[in-house]
Amino acid sequence: MTTRRRHAALLVVLALLGGLVVTVLGAGAAAACSCVGFTDAEARLRADVVFSGTVLDGAPSTLSREQTRTFRVAVDESFKGAPGSQPAVRTATSSAACGVEFTTGDQVLVFATVGAPGASRPDELSANLCSGTRVLEGPVPDAVRSGVDPPWVACANAIDTIDTLPAGFRPVAGAVALTPGPIGFDTAAGPPYFAEEGIGLRSGASADVTVARRFRDRVSVSWGQVPPGPVMRFTPCATAGAARWLAFNGGFTVTGPVCVPLVVTSGTRTERIRVAIGRSCPRTSSR
């Protein structure tokens, strides 16, 4: 990822989570893109059209007085409105002016406005960094699909703070600690069955832990007294002293033995881990 795109990704994260004024340093001067913080669910509510897709191409405006460019996107999924199959989306040419910087082949999530001020046509789509539009670094957030934020785990429900992770646990996406298993469950009580296993949250980190979509009819997760579901959100929690991790109890509700992929997203970082429950996971080829 180029330096300019890393700056753009940082802008999105801060805009969505921090609600702060963000400054981007250009080649010779500093310019500001100021965004009001809001969640993906709120971004979906604000937008007229929401979709994910692949950038096909991009070109500057043909009008010399307009410092904009247009990206054409092949739509993979539509979550709100009717974007069509290959809509064109207008944005500012500079990230300092809150323009999004996409390149051909990028997988993107677009929150667009129809007929915004300055639009050349009433049906023209426009988007910017402050709308939540961005390059997708992982799966489409559930809040975008449903319009509802995932349940969050309260810091007060941590059962312990620790400095060293237990044997078998490893950090995932630099934010949470999980074990790949295998994790057992009591076959006499179910189905469904409950496979008890805790999770660690790094002090000061936030993360979404998501069950891969095709496993959601068989697996749900729950930690910190939150009801089972396909995704759990962890907000930043502080620890006292030298402790680097917070521990939460909970586990997995399953219909039977399964090797389930979990997707952990923390900021712009996404990592997958397979968790073996009641069975082992098949080896993956190293080639």
Protein backbone atom coordinates (compact mmCIF):
# COMPACT_ATOMS: atom_id res chain seq x y z
CA MET A 1 0.00 0.00 0.00
CA THR A 2 1.41 3.41 -0.96
CA THR A 3 2.04 6.19 1.55
CA ARG A 4 -0.85 8.22 0.09
CA ARG A 5 -3.26 5.29 0.43
CA ARG A 6 -2.08 4.62 3.99
CA HIS A 7 -2.85 8.26 4.77
CA ALA A 8 -6.30 7.83 3.22
CA ALA A 9 -6.97 4.66 5.25
CA LEU A 10 -5.88 6.45 8.42
CA LEU A 11 -8.26 9.26 7.65
CA VAL A 12 -11.16 6.83 7.39
CA VAL A 13 -10.33 5.09 10.67
CA LEU A 14 -10.06 8.36 12.56
CA ALA A 15 -13.16 9.75 10.90
CA LEU A 16 -15.24 6.71 11.81
CA LEU A 17 -13.89 6.15 15.31
CA GLY A 18 -12.46 9.36 16.63
CA GLY A 19 -14.57 12.21 15.32
CA LEU A 20 -11.45 14.41 15.21
CA VAL A 21 -10.04 16.96 12.81
CA VAL A 22 -7.50 15.09 10.70
CA THR A 23 -4.54 16.66 8.90
CA VAL A 24 -2.83 15.19 5.86
CA LEU A 25 0.64 16.39 4.85
CA GLY A 26 0.95 16.95 1.13
CA ALA A 27 4.10 17.27 -0.95
CA GLY A 28 4.76 20.89 -0.07
CA ALA A 29 2.06 22.08 2.31
CA ALA A 30 -0.44 20.88 4.85
CA ALA A 31 -4.17 20.74 4.13
CA ALA A 32 -6.97 19.47 6.30
CA CYS A 33 -9.89 17.09 5.84
CA SER A 34 -12.22 17.48 8.81
CA CYS A 35 -14.71 14.68 9.46
CA VAL A 36 -17.37 14.17 12.11
CA GLY A 37 -17.09 10.70 13.67
CA PHE A 38 -19.85 8.15 13.08
CA THR A 39 -20.25 4.38 12.85
CA ASP A 40 -20.76 2.27 9.72
CA ALA A 41 -24.43 1.88 10.67
CA GLU A 42 -24.78 5.67 10.79
CA ALA A 43 -22.87 6.00 7.51
CA ARG A 44 -25.34 3.59 5.91
CA LEU A 45 -28.24 5.64 7.25
CA ARG A 46 -26.77 8.89 5.89
CA ALA A 47 -25.98 7.56 2.41
CA ASP A 48 -28.44 7.24 -0.48
CA VAL A 49 -26.62 4.30 -2.06
CA VAL A 50 -24.31 1.75 -0.41
CA PHE A 51 -22.45 -1.02 -2.23
CA SER A 52 -19.21 -2.98 -2.45
CA GLY A 53 -17.31 -3.77 -5.61
CA THR A 54 -14.13 -3.62 -7.69
CA VAL A 55 -12.71 -0.41 -9.17
CA LEU A 56 -12.57 -0.70 -12.96
CA ASP A 57 -11.00 2.65 -13.82
CA GLY A 58 -10.76 6.29 -12.82
CA ALA A 59 -10.38 9.55 -14.73
CA PRO A 60 -10.11 13.27 -13.91
CA SER A 61 -13.03 15.56 -14.71
CA THR A 62 -13.16 16.83 -18.28
CA LEU A 63 -14.11 20.28 -16.95
CA SER A 64 -11.01 22.33 -16.10
CA ARG A 65 -12.79 24.25 -13.34
CA GLU A 66 -13.64 21.03 -11.46
CA GLN A 67 -10.95 19.39 -9.35
CA THR A 68 -12.74 16.05 -9.27
CA ARG A 69 -12.32 12.60 -10.71
CA THR A 70 -14.74 9.77 -11.42
CA PHE A 71 -14.31 6.09 -10.58
CA ARG A 72 -16.26 3.33 -12.28
CA VAL A 73 -17.01 0.35 -10.03
CA ALA A 74 -18.25 -3.17 -10.84
CA VAL A 75 -20.79 -3.83 -8.08
CA ASP A 76 -20.45 -7.07 -6.08
CA GLU A 77 -23.19 -6.44 -3.51
CA SER A 78 -25.71 -3.65 -3.01
CA PHE A 79 -26.85 -2.82 0.55
CA LYS A 80 -28.96 0.28 -0.03
CA GLY A 81 -30.44 2.02 -3.06
CA ALA A 82 -29.97 0.98 -6.68
CA PRO A 83 -26.40 1.64 -7.87
CA GLY A 84 -26.69 -0.37 -11.09
CA SER A 85 -24.05 -2.83 -12.28
CA GLN A 86 -21.17 -0.40 -13.03
CA PRO A 87 -21.90 3.00 -11.47
CA ALA A 88 -19.58 6.00 -11.79
CA VAL A 89 -18.72 7.75 -8.52
CA ARG A 90 -17.38 11.32 -8.38
CA THR A 91 -14.91 12.44 -5.70
CA ALA A 92 -12.35 15.21 -5.12
CA THR A 93 -8.94 14.63 -6.71
CA SER A 94 -7.08 15.17 -3.42
CA SER A 95 -7.37 13.35 -0.08
CA ALA A 96 -6.67 16.72 1.56
CA ALA A 97 -10.03 17.79 0.10
CA CYS A 98 -11.56 14.54 1.41
CA GLY A 99 -11.35 12.79 -1.94
CA VAL A 100 -10.98 9.01 -1.95
CA GLU A 101 -7.92 7.60 -3.71
CA PHE A 102 -8.69 4.32 -5.46
CA THR A 103 -6.69 2.40 -8.04
CA THR A 104 -7.89 -0.11 -10.60
CA GLY A 105 -8.59 -3.49 -8.99
CA ASP A 106 -9.22 -2.15 -5.48
CA GLN A 107 -12.00 -3.85 -3.52
CA VAL A 108 -14.02 -0.95 -2.15
CA LEU A 109 -16.98 -0.09 0.06
CA VAL A 110 -18.89 2.96 -1.17
CA PHE A 111 -21.33 5.17 0.75
CA ALA A 112 -22.62 7.53 -1.95
CA THR A 113 -24.94 10.52 -2.18
CA VAL A 114 -27.24 10.99 -5.18
CA GLY A 115 -27.35 14.45 -6.81
CA ALA A 116 -25.13 16.21 -4.26
CA PRO A 117 -24.49 19.97 -4.65
CA GLY A 118 -22.33 20.52 -7.74
CA ALA A 119 -23.43 17.27 -9.38
CA SER A 120 -23.54 17.38 -13.18
CA ARG A 121 -26.65 15.17 -13.25
CA PRO A 122 -29.52 14.62 -10.78
CA ASP A 123 -28.66 10.89 -10.57
CA GLU A 124 -24.88 11.36 -10.24
CA LEU A 125 -23.22 9.51 -7.34
CA SER A 126 -20.59 11.25 -5.22
CA ALA A 127 -18.53 10.07 -2.23
CA ASN A 128 -15.68 11.23 0.01
CA LEU A 129 -13.52 10.08 2.91
CA CYS A 130 -15.96 11.49 5.46
CA SER A 131 -18.81 9.38 4.07
CA GLY A 132 -17.01 6.20 5.14
CA THR A 133 -16.08 5.23 1.57
CA ARG A 134 -12.87 3.23 1.62
CA VAL A 135 -10.78 0.33 0.33
CA LEU A 136 -12.01 -2.91 1.92
CA GLU A 137 -9.31 -4.59 4.01
CA GLY A 138 -11.58 -7.49 5.04
CA PRO A 139 -15.22 -8.59 4.84
CA VAL A 140 -18.05 -6.08 4.55
CA PRO A 141 -18.99 -5.12 8.15
CA ASP A 142 -22.24 -6.60 9.42
CA ALA A 143 -23.38 -3.09 10.38
CA VAL A 144 -23.33 -2.20 6.67
CA ARG A 145 -25.37 -5.26 5.71
CA SER A 146 -27.97 -4.85 8.45
CA GLY A 147 -27.72 -1.18 9.35
CA VAL A 148 -27.22 -2.18 12.99
CA ASP A 149 -23.97 -2.05 14.94
CA PRO A 150 -22.80 -5.45 16.25
CA PRO A 151 -23.12 -6.04 20.02
CA TRP A 152 -20.13 -4.80 22.00
CA VAL A 153 -18.42 -6.45 24.93
CA ALA A 154 -18.24 -4.25 28.04
CA CYS A 155 -14.83 -3.76 29.65
CA ALA A 156 -16.45 -4.29 33.05
CA ASN A 157 -17.20 -7.90 32.10
CA ALA A 158 -13.51 -8.88 31.92
CA ILE A 159 -12.80 -11.63 34.45
CA ASP A 160 -9.05 -11.01 34.78
CA THR A 161 -6.04 -9.05 33.55
CA ILE A 162 -2.84 -10.87 32.60
CA ASP A 163 0.62 -10.04 31.31
CA THR A 164 1.39 -13.35 29.56
CA LEU A 165 -1.00 -15.29 27.34
CA PRO A 166 -1.93 -18.85 28.37
CA ALA A 167 -0.34 -21.74 26.49
CA GLY A 168 -2.00 -22.34 23.13
CA PHE A 169 -3.27 -18.77 22.68
CA ARG A 170 -1.82 -16.45 20.08
CA PRO A 171 -2.42 -12.81 19.09
CA VAL A 172 -4.66 -12.23 16.08
CA ALA A 173 -4.62 -8.91 14.17
CA GLY A 174 -2.56 -7.55 17.06
CA ALA A 175 -5.73 -7.04 19.10
CA VAL A 176 -7.24 -10.26 20.46
CA ALA A 177 -5.84 -13.60 21.61
CA LEU A 178 -7.49 -16.87 20.54
CA THR A 179 -6.61 -20.54 20.55
CA PRO A 180 -6.90 -22.56 17.34
CA GLY A 181 -8.06 -25.48 19.47
CA PRO A 182 -9.13 -28.16 19.38
CA ILE A 183 -11.87 -27.14 21.82
CA GLY A 184 -14.14 -29.84 23.24
CA PHE A 185 -17.81 -29.73 24.18
CA ASP A 186 -20.27 -31.90 26.10
CA THR A 187 -22.13 -34.04 23.56
CA ALA A 188 -24.74 -34.98 26.16
CA ALA A 189 -26.07 -31.40 26.34
CA GLY A 190 -27.45 -30.53 22.94
CA PRO A 191 -27.62 -29.85 20.10
CA PRO A 192 -26.82 -27.02 19.99
CA TYR A 193 -23.64 -27.50 21.98
CA PHE A 194 -21.56 -24.98 23.91
CA ALA A 195 -17.77 -25.11 23.55
CA GLU A 196 -16.39 -23.00 26.37
CA GLU A 197 -13.22 -21.03 25.61
CA GLY A 198 -12.21 -17.52 26.58
CA ILE A 199 -10.67 -14.69 24.58
CA GLY A 200 -8.02 -12.10 25.36
CA LEU A 201 -8.17 -8.42 24.41
CA ARG A 202 -4.96 -6.40 24.26
CA SER A 203 -5.05 -3.34 26.49
CA GLY A 204 -6.15 -0.29 24.49
CA ALA A 205 -7.11 -2.27 21.38
CA SER A 206 -10.46 -2.52 19.62
CA ALA A 207 -11.61 -5.35 17.36
CA ASP A 208 -14.50 -7.08 15.62
CA VAL A 209 -14.47 -10.89 15.76
CA THR A 210 -16.65 -12.29 12.98
CA VAL A 211 -17.74 -15.84 12.08
CA ALA A 212 -17.14 -16.50 8.37
CA ARG A 213 -20.47 -16.03 6.57
CA ARG A 214 -20.97 -19.59 5.29
CA PHE A 215 -20.59 -20.98 8.85
CA ARG A 216 -23.17 -18.73 10.52
CA ASP A 217 -25.92 -21.34 10.38
CA ARG A 218 -23.67 -23.62 12.46
CA VAL A 219 -21.59 -21.36 14.70
CA SER A 220 -22.13 -18.30 16.88
CA VAL A 221 -19.77 -16.61 19.34
CA SER A 222 -20.27 -15.01 22.73
CA TRP A 223 -17.90 -13.46 25.25
CA GLY A 224 -18.33 -11.14 28.21
CA GLN A 225 -22.00 -12.02 28.84
CA VAL A 226 -23.12 -10.88 25.37
CA PRO A 227 -25.80 -13.11 23.75
CA PRO A 228 -24.49 -15.42 20.98
CA GLY A 229 -24.25 -13.97 17.50
CA PRO A 230 -22.13 -13.94 14.31
CA VAL A 231 -19.97 -10.99 15.39
CA MET A 232 -18.65 -9.54 18.65
CA ARG A 233 -17.22 -6.02 18.98
CA PHE A 234 -14.54 -5.19 21.54
CA THR A 235 -13.97 -1.54 22.40
CA PRO A 236 -10.68 -0.29 23.92
CA CYS A 237 -10.20 -1.22 27.58
CA ALA A 238 -7.42 -0.13 29.94
CA THR A 239 -5.52 -2.36 32.34
CA ALA A 240 -3.69 -1.48 35.53
CA GLY A 241 0.01 -2.00 36.13
CA ALA A 242 2.01 -4.27 33.83
CA ALA A 243 -0.96 -6.33 32.60
CA ARG A 244 -1.18 -6.27 28.80
CA TRP A 245 -4.32 -8.36 28.26
CA LEU A 246 -7.90 -8.52 29.53
CA ALA A 247 -9.53 -11.96 29.74
CA PHE A 248 -13.20 -12.58 28.94
CA ASN A 249 -15.04 -15.87 29.42
CA GLY A 250 -17.47 -17.26 26.86
CA GLY A 251 -17.14 -19.50 23.85
CA PHE A 252 -18.86 -20.98 20.82
CA THR A 253 -22.38 -22.30 20.26
CA VAL A 254 -22.23 -24.98 17.54
CA THR A 255 -24.53 -27.53 15.91
CA GLY A 256 -21.74 -30.12 15.84
CA PRO A 257 -17.99 -30.60 15.30
CA VAL A 258 -16.62 -27.89 13.03
CA CYS A 259 -13.45 -26.13 11.89
CA VAL A 260 -14.66 -22.52 11.81
CA PRO A 261 -12.81 -19.57 10.26
CA LEU A 262 -12.97 -16.36 12.32
CA VAL A 263 -12.15 -12.97 10.83
CA VAL A 264 -10.59 -10.47 13.25
CA THR A 265 -10.54 -6.81 12.19
CA SER A 266 -8.74 -4.13 14.19
CA GLY A 267 -8.47 -0.74 12.50
CA THR A 268 -7.10 -1.35 9.01
CA ARG A 269 -5.65 -4.76 9.94
CA THR A 270 -7.53 -8.00 9.24
CA GLU A 271 -6.42 -11.55 10.04
CA ARG A 272 -8.11 -14.96 9.88
CA ILE A 273 -7.78 -17.84 12.30
CA ARG A 274 -9.32 -21.32 12.04
CA VAL A 275 -10.66 -22.71 15.30
CA ALA A 276 -11.16 -26.46 15.69
CA ILE A 277 -14.23 -27.34 17.76
CA GLY A 278 -14.92 -31.00 18.52
CA ARG A 279 -12.58 -32.04 15.70
CA SER A 280 -9.27 -31.05 14.11
CA CYS A 281 -8.81 -28.65 11.24
CA PRO A 282 -7.32 -30.06 8.04
CA ARG A 283 -3.78 -29.04 7.27
CA THR A 284 -3.34 -26.33 4.66
CA SER A 285 -0.75 -26.59 1.93
CA SER A 286 2.38 -24.49 2.47
CA ARG A 287 2.85 -24.12 -1.27
